[in-house]
Each structure stands twice: as C-alpha cells, then as structure tokens.
Amino acid sequence: MKLSNVQIITMLIFIIGFLGLFFYYNNLDKIFKNSLNLITIFGTYLSLFGIIMSFIQIYDLKAINDKTQKEVNESLKKINNILSVSELSKSLKIVDEIQSSLRANKNEVALIRMKDLKYVLIQIKHNKSLEKYTANDEYSDLLIDLSIDISNLSDNIFKPHKNINVTKVNLNLEKISTKFSELENKLKFD
C-alpha cells in the first residue's frame, strides 16, 4: 500500500511531536513526573493533533471537491458541445429536406421542416457555448428571414394563387446552412 504525501507528513508530524513530548516529559522535575501528568500531556497532544488533522482532512476534501466540480463542469461543457454539434448536423439535414421538398412542390412537408428548423435556430441562439457566435444581428436576421419564409409558405398553402419566391427561400436556407456549418466547425475545432 502506497502512502500519500499527506499521510507521510501526518505520520512524521505525529512521530516528531510524540518524540518532542517524550523528551519534554523526561526533562521535567521529578515531582512532575507522574502518570497523571504523563496522561495529561499526551492526551492534550493527541487532542490537538486530532483537531489539526481534522482541519487538514477538511481542507483536502475541499480541494478534492473543487477539483471534481471543475472536472464535472468541463465534462458538461464537452457533452454540451457534442450535443450542439449533433443538433447542428441534424439541422443541416433538415435544410436539405426543406430544399428537396420545395423542389418537389411538397410545400406542406417543407413548412413542417421549416418550423423544426426555426425551433433549432432559437434553441442554438440560447446555447451558452454558442452565445458568442449567435448574439449578433446576422444570426437574428437568419431567424427573421426564416420566419418570413414560413409565413409566405403558409400563405401559399392556404391561398394557392399566392406565389412564393423559391429562389429567395433557398438563398435564405443556404445562409442558414452556411452559418450552421461555421458553428459546427467552431465547436469541433475550438
């Protein structure tokens, strides 16, 4: 069994203190050398030693707790980054599905997927890991453009005589796709 540095230091302090008290007791006058004084001296020493060791143990536990908390926070950050990368990858697939649905004139499917994409955009905007990349006007504009496209597509579904500019919708989707690709790479490589 290998002893830790704290255990070795503790044993050294105990032995040195014990030897110091032993020499102190041996140098006492004969009238003070009795079993009652011996018990009192060593009992006091053991009590003080126990209190000091308790404080050392509390300090060590606090240090271990702080280190553990730091590692847990780092692990959570890594997990959140992995989940964020996964969400971004999934969102890129959603953009592809929307574009395919629009080309096939399946506007109902495209509308549903665009609403899913909007939800992801909002979710990513509030992700702490990505906040420095999404707290800007460019990202807000992506969300606004997508909301407008959703509204226009919804109008087109309910009022077929209203046309939508599919080219403009695809351009907005490409901007979202590009932004998601950038965010995904920043998470992977930062």
Protein backbone atom coordinates (compact mmCIF):
# COMPACT_ATOMS: atom_id res chain seq x y z
CA MET A 1 0.00 0.00 0.00
CA LYS A 2 1.48 3.29 -1.11
CA LEU A 3 1.05 6.23 1.26
CA SER A 4 0.10 9.65 0.01
CA ASN A 5 2.18 12.72 0.77
CA VAL A 6 -0.42 13.92 3.29
CA GLN A 7 -0.30 10.58 5.11
CA ILE A 8 3.51 10.60 5.21
CA ILE A 9 3.59 14.19 6.50
CA THR A 10 0.93 13.33 9.09
CA MET A 11 2.93 10.37 10.38
CA LEU A 12 6.12 12.45 10.51
CA ILE A 13 4.38 15.25 12.43
CA PHE A 14 2.88 12.72 14.86
CA ILE A 15 6.20 10.94 15.46
CA ILE A 16 8.18 14.19 15.81
CA GLY A 17 5.57 15.64 18.16
CA PHE A 18 5.43 12.43 20.14
CA LEU A 19 9.23 12.33 20.49
CA GLY A 20 9.27 16.03 21.42
CA LEU A 21 6.73 15.43 24.17
CA PHE A 22 8.65 12.35 25.35
CA PHE A 23 11.84 14.42 25.72
CA TYR A 24 9.85 17.21 27.38
CA TYR A 25 8.38 14.74 29.88
CA ASN A 26 11.82 13.24 30.61
CA ASN A 27 13.23 16.72 31.31
CA LEU A 28 10.53 17.56 33.86
CA ASP A 29 11.43 17.76 37.54
CA LYS A 30 10.94 14.57 39.49
CA ILE A 31 7.93 15.95 41.30
CA PHE A 32 6.05 16.49 38.00
CA LYS A 33 6.91 13.07 36.57
CA ASN A 34 3.85 11.09 37.44
CA SER A 35 1.32 9.10 35.48
CA LEU A 36 -1.34 11.82 35.76
CA ASN A 37 0.92 14.45 34.13
CA LEU A 38 2.05 11.90 31.53
CA ILE A 39 -1.57 11.16 30.58
CA THR A 40 -2.44 14.88 30.58
CA ILE A 41 0.48 15.87 28.35
CA PHE A 42 -0.02 13.08 25.84
CA GLY A 43 -3.82 13.38 25.94
CA THR A 44 -3.58 17.10 25.20
CA TYR A 45 -1.13 16.38 22.40
CA LEU A 46 -3.39 13.72 20.89
CA SER A 47 -6.41 16.05 21.09
CA LEU A 48 -4.55 18.90 19.39
CA PHE A 49 -3.14 16.51 16.81
CA GLY A 50 -6.64 15.17 16.10
CA ILE A 51 -8.05 18.70 15.66
CA ILE A 52 -5.22 19.70 13.34
CA MET A 53 -5.63 16.52 11.29
CA SER A 54 -9.37 17.16 11.06
CA PHE A 55 -8.69 20.59 9.60
CA ILE A 56 -6.16 19.13 7.17
CA GLN A 57 -8.69 16.47 6.09
CA ILE A 58 -11.40 19.10 5.63
CA TYR A 59 -9.00 21.18 3.53
CA ASP A 60 -8.08 18.11 1.43
CA LEU A 61 -11.74 17.22 0.93
CA LYS A 62 -12.47 20.79 -0.13
CA ALA A 63 -9.60 20.66 -2.65
CA ILE A 64 -10.85 17.30 -3.98
CA ASN A 65 -14.40 18.66 -4.19
CA ASP A 66 -13.23 21.76 -6.08
CA LYS A 67 -11.20 19.65 -8.49
CA THR A 68 -14.13 17.27 -9.02
CA GLN A 69 -16.52 20.17 -9.60
CA LYS A 70 -14.13 21.65 -12.16
CA GLU A 71 -13.85 18.32 -13.99
CA VAL A 72 -17.63 17.86 -13.92
CA ASN A 73 -18.10 21.34 -15.41
CA GLU A 74 -15.55 20.60 -18.13
CA SER A 75 -17.27 17.29 -18.89
CA LEU A 76 -20.65 19.01 -19.08
CA LYS A 77 -19.21 21.59 -21.43
CA LYS A 78 -17.81 18.84 -23.67
CA ILE A 79 -21.13 16.98 -23.60
CA ASN A 80 -22.99 20.18 -24.48
CA ASN A 81 -20.59 20.78 -27.36
CA ILE A 82 -21.14 17.24 -28.63
CA LEU A 83 -24.90 17.68 -28.38
CA SER A 84 -24.64 21.05 -30.11
CA VAL A 85 -22.58 19.57 -32.94
CA SER A 86 -25.18 16.82 -33.25
CA GLU A 87 -28.02 19.36 -33.38
CA LEU A 88 -26.18 21.40 -36.00
CA SER A 89 -25.56 18.33 -38.14
CA LYS A 90 -29.20 17.35 -37.84
CA SER A 91 -30.20 20.89 -38.82
CA LEU A 92 -28.09 20.72 -41.95
CA LYS A 93 -30.06 17.63 -42.94
CA ILE A 94 -33.31 19.49 -42.24
CA VAL A 95 -32.21 22.27 -44.62
CA ASP A 96 -31.57 19.64 -47.31
CA GLU A 97 -35.01 18.11 -46.70
CA ILE A 98 -36.70 21.51 -46.98
CA GLN A 99 -34.94 22.27 -50.24
CA SER A 100 -35.86 18.85 -51.65
CA SER A 101 -39.49 19.30 -50.61
CA LEU A 102 -39.65 22.74 -52.23
CA ARG A 103 -38.22 21.38 -55.49
CA ALA A 104 -40.85 18.61 -55.45
CA ASN A 105 -43.63 21.13 -54.65
CA LYS A 106 -44.34 19.41 -51.33
CA ASN A 107 -44.92 22.69 -49.54
CA GLU A 108 -46.70 21.12 -46.55
CA VAL A 109 -43.67 18.97 -45.75
CA ALA A 110 -41.34 21.92 -46.32
CA LEU A 111 -43.42 24.06 -43.95
CA ILE A 112 -43.25 21.47 -41.17
CA ARG A 113 -39.49 21.10 -41.55
CA MET A 114 -39.02 24.89 -41.69
CA LYS A 115 -40.82 25.17 -38.35
CA ASP A 116 -38.48 22.49 -37.00
CA LEU A 117 -35.55 24.49 -38.31
CA LYS A 118 -36.85 27.66 -36.68
CA TYR A 119 -37.08 25.84 -33.36
CA VAL A 120 -33.45 24.70 -33.72
CA LEU A 121 -32.34 28.24 -34.62
CA ILE A 122 -33.96 29.54 -31.44
CA GLN A 123 -32.51 26.71 -29.37
CA ILE A 124 -29.00 27.36 -30.70
CA LYS A 125 -29.35 31.08 -30.05
CA HIS A 126 -29.77 30.32 -26.34
CA ASN A 127 -26.97 27.77 -26.13
CA LYS A 128 -24.28 29.14 -23.78
CA SER A 129 -21.47 27.51 -25.78
CA LEU A 130 -22.58 29.24 -28.97
CA GLU A 131 -23.79 32.51 -27.48
CA LYS A 132 -20.74 34.48 -28.60
CA TYR A 133 -21.42 33.40 -32.20
CA THR A 134 -25.19 33.86 -32.22
CA ALA A 135 -25.67 37.07 -30.25
CA ASN A 136 -25.44 39.30 -33.31
CA ASP A 137 -27.63 40.88 -35.97
CA GLU A 138 -26.56 38.40 -38.66
CA TYR A 139 -27.96 35.47 -36.68
CA SER A 140 -31.12 37.39 -35.80
CA ASP A 141 -31.59 38.19 -39.49
CA LEU A 142 -31.45 34.47 -40.31
CA LEU A 143 -34.25 33.87 -37.84
CA ILE A 144 -36.31 36.76 -39.17
CA ASP A 145 -35.84 35.66 -42.79
CA LEU A 146 -36.86 32.12 -41.92
CA SER A 147 -39.96 33.39 -40.10
CA ILE A 148 -40.93 35.42 -43.16
CA ASP A 149 -40.37 32.40 -45.41
CA ILE A 150 -42.54 30.27 -43.11
CA SER A 151 -45.28 32.88 -43.25
CA ASN A 152 -45.10 33.14 -47.05
CA LEU A 153 -45.09 29.37 -47.49
CA SER A 154 -48.04 29.04 -45.12
CA ASP A 155 -49.94 31.67 -47.14
CA ASN A 156 -49.13 29.78 -50.32
CA ILE A 157 -50.54 26.56 -48.87
CA PHE A 158 -53.80 28.19 -47.77
CA LYS A 159 -54.05 30.54 -50.74
CA PRO A 160 -52.60 28.67 -53.74
CA HIS A 161 -52.88 31.72 -56.01
CA LYS A 162 -50.17 33.43 -53.87
CA ASN A 163 -46.74 32.56 -55.21
CA ILE A 164 -43.58 32.25 -53.19
CA ASN A 165 -40.11 33.07 -54.37
CA VAL A 166 -38.50 29.64 -54.01
CA THR A 167 -35.14 31.07 -55.10
CA LYS A 168 -35.23 33.55 -52.22
CA VAL A 169 -36.26 30.82 -49.75
CA ASN A 170 -33.40 28.62 -50.97
CA LEU A 171 -30.98 31.53 -50.64
CA ASN A 172 -32.10 32.05 -47.03
CA LEU A 173 -31.78 28.33 -46.35
CA GLU A 174 -28.26 28.33 -47.80
CA LYS A 175 -27.34 31.20 -45.45
CA ILE A 176 -28.63 29.14 -42.52
CA SER A 177 -26.75 26.08 -43.77
CA THR A 178 -23.53 28.09 -44.06
CA LYS A 179 -23.96 29.53 -40.58
CA PHE A 180 -24.63 26.10 -39.10
CA SER A 181 -21.54 24.69 -40.83
CA GLU A 182 -19.44 27.51 -39.39
CA LEU A 183 -20.84 26.97 -35.88
CA GLU A 184 -20.32 23.23 -36.12
CA ASN A 185 -16.67 23.69 -37.10
CA LYS A 186 -16.08 26.25 -34.38
CA LEU A 187 -17.39 23.79 -31.80
CA LYS A 188 -15.36 20.92 -33.19
CA PHE A 189 -12.06 22.74 -33.51
CA ASP A 190 -12.08 25.40 -30.78
